[in-house]
Amino acid sequence: MKEKTKILIAPSTFAVIDSAPLELLQRAGLDIIVNPYGRKLNRRELTALLPGVVGVLAGLESLDKDVLEKSQLRAISRCGAGLDNVDLVTAKNLGIMVFNTPDAPTEAVAELAVAMMILLCRQVPEMSRALSEGAWKKMTGFQLRDKAVVIVGYGRIGQAVAQLLRPFRPRLIIVDPFADTSIQDGCESLSLQDALHQADVITLHASGDRELLGREAFSLMKPGVILLNASRGALIDENELLNALINGTVSGAWLDTFSREPYDGPLKSFPQVILTPHIGSYAAQCRSLMEMQAAENLLFALADLKTRE
């Protein structure tokens, strides 16, 4: 009997909302290994699960050079837009096909970012916590109209955020040296340094893992800025953010990504900070679409490999 093609499903929540993507893979007659830990796999766990695995349906676990070179992988199908956790150079050198789902998370992440922005501008998290603790504490926030909202990263999600914000009539500033000038749609385009001087709200939607907001960047901000990060935890120096919250440079923040996840640090103690466990794409419609696209991409890759045999 011919041995079944072995694949690994790494995301711990895959097919929890909608079983159709998993059923699609099962109908293909694959030998499916499911993440047994119920959380993001670390390098050691991932390496232990990969022997004999030809294709991986990937989440945010690290598929770096060391992991890839120890594997027999031929295909990686990322369930999500970002590919920062995949060593693309090594994958190419090893002949590993890599796919992602860049469009599926766009609306869900953008909607959540705008929702968090409005909550922070009106100081809702702090008042909610105060009320829960027995204090009837009314605080005056601000509307977005005429405020400078800086969107760092003007790809799919950054553009969707700008589109959702336009009815609120803020002053939209984008920071993205690679942005297509034809799609700026009336937004101003500035360098990060110039934008930080003017920002009332900063929302991060950039790719990569290079730090953008460290000590120098926070020193450029005017007091009371709102900060949101729905992209990558490495973009913000969390210790400098802590200092900025203490000294009032940052009046409120939402973080959905962290330098180390799960997060368990001092930012949890601030009532003006919203922390969420990397759930930007966790809307039912988005997850169903994203997971189905990831499953289809993996099956496409496996079929392509079979034709080459």
Foldseek 3Di string as FASTA:
>chain_A
DDDFAEEEEQQLCACVLHVVLVVVVVVVVHRYHYHPPSHHDELVRLLVPAERHAEYADEQYAQDLVSVVSHNYQEYQYLEAADQRHPVVNCVVNNHHYHADNPLLQQLLLVVQVVVVVCLQQLVLLCVVCVVVPDNDHDGGDFQAQAEEEEEDCDRNSLNNVVVCVVSHYQYEYEDPPDDPVSCVNHHYDHLLVSQLRHQEYEYDDGDQAAQADQVSLVNHAFAHEYEYLYEQNNYDVVNVVVCCVVRSHVAYEYQYHPDPPDDDDVVPDSRYHYHPNCSQVDSSSSVVSSNVSSVVRVVSVVVVVVVD
